[in-house]
Amino acid sequence: RNGEQLGIICEDSKYDFRLQEIRDMKETLIIKPGDEILVECNFQTLDRSGITFVS
């Protein structure tokens, strides 16, 4: 907000597509006009020799 990051809303370092779940927020998040939300996803497959079909 106003060029400043307010903080991380949610982080899941062990995400599994087969175990999707709803997350309750600890506090109500107020999103104001002009705010931006960044969603970041990193999926590492360099240790695999075969094709990854679903990710």
Protein backbone atom coordinates (compact mmCIF):
# COMPACT_ATOMS: atom_id res chain seq x y z
CA ARG A 1 0.00 0.00 0.00
CA ASN A 2 1.46 3.30 -1.07
CA GLY A 3 4.52 1.43 -2.37
CA GLU A 4 4.96 -0.65 0.79
CA GLN A 5 4.40 -4.39 1.20
CA LEU A 6 1.99 -4.96 4.08
CA GLY A 7 3.09 -8.53 4.73
CA ILE A 8 2.58 -12.11 3.66
CA ILE A 9 -1.06 -13.22 3.71
CA CYS A 10 -0.42 -16.95 3.46
CA GLU A 11 2.53 -19.22 2.78
CA ASP A 12 2.59 -22.97 2.12
CA SER A 13 6.05 -24.44 1.65
CA LYS A 14 4.72 -28.02 1.36
CA TYR A 15 1.81 -27.55 -1.06
CA ASP A 16 0.37 -30.74 -2.54
CA PHE A 17 -2.21 -30.57 -5.35
CA ARG A 18 -3.97 -33.64 -3.93
CA LEU A 19 -4.35 -32.01 -0.51
CA GLN A 20 -5.91 -28.66 -1.32
CA GLU A 21 -7.57 -26.98 1.63
CA ILE A 22 -9.25 -23.77 2.70
CA ARG A 23 -7.23 -21.48 4.95
CA ASP A 24 -8.86 -19.32 7.59
CA MET A 25 -7.28 -15.92 7.97
CA LYS A 26 -6.06 -14.91 11.43
CA GLU A 27 -7.32 -11.38 10.83
CA THR A 28 -9.74 -9.78 8.39
CA LEU A 29 -7.81 -8.56 5.37
CA ILE A 30 -8.88 -5.18 4.06
CA ILE A 31 -8.08 -4.65 0.39
CA LYS A 32 -8.39 -1.03 -0.67
CA PRO A 33 -8.63 0.52 -4.15
CA GLY A 34 -5.14 0.70 -5.61
CA ASP A 35 -3.82 -2.24 -3.55
CA GLU A 36 -2.10 -5.04 -5.46
CA ILE A 37 -2.01 -8.74 -4.56
CA LEU A 38 0.96 -10.81 -5.68
CA VAL A 39 0.59 -14.59 -5.98
CA GLU A 40 3.84 -16.48 -6.39
CA CYS A 41 4.28 -20.19 -7.14
CA ASN A 42 7.54 -22.09 -7.47
CA PHE A 43 7.46 -25.71 -8.60
CA GLN A 44 10.84 -27.42 -8.75
CA THR A 45 11.25 -30.45 -11.06
CA LEU A 46 14.98 -30.34 -11.83
CA ASP A 47 15.52 -33.52 -9.79
CA ARG A 48 13.25 -35.55 -12.12
CA SER A 49 14.37 -37.38 -15.22
CA GLY A 50 10.87 -37.98 -16.63
CA ILE A 51 8.07 -35.74 -17.82
CA THR A 52 5.83 -33.98 -15.28
CA PHE A 53 2.26 -34.35 -16.58
CA VAL A 54 0.33 -32.55 -13.81
CA SER A 55 1.62 -29.64 -11.80
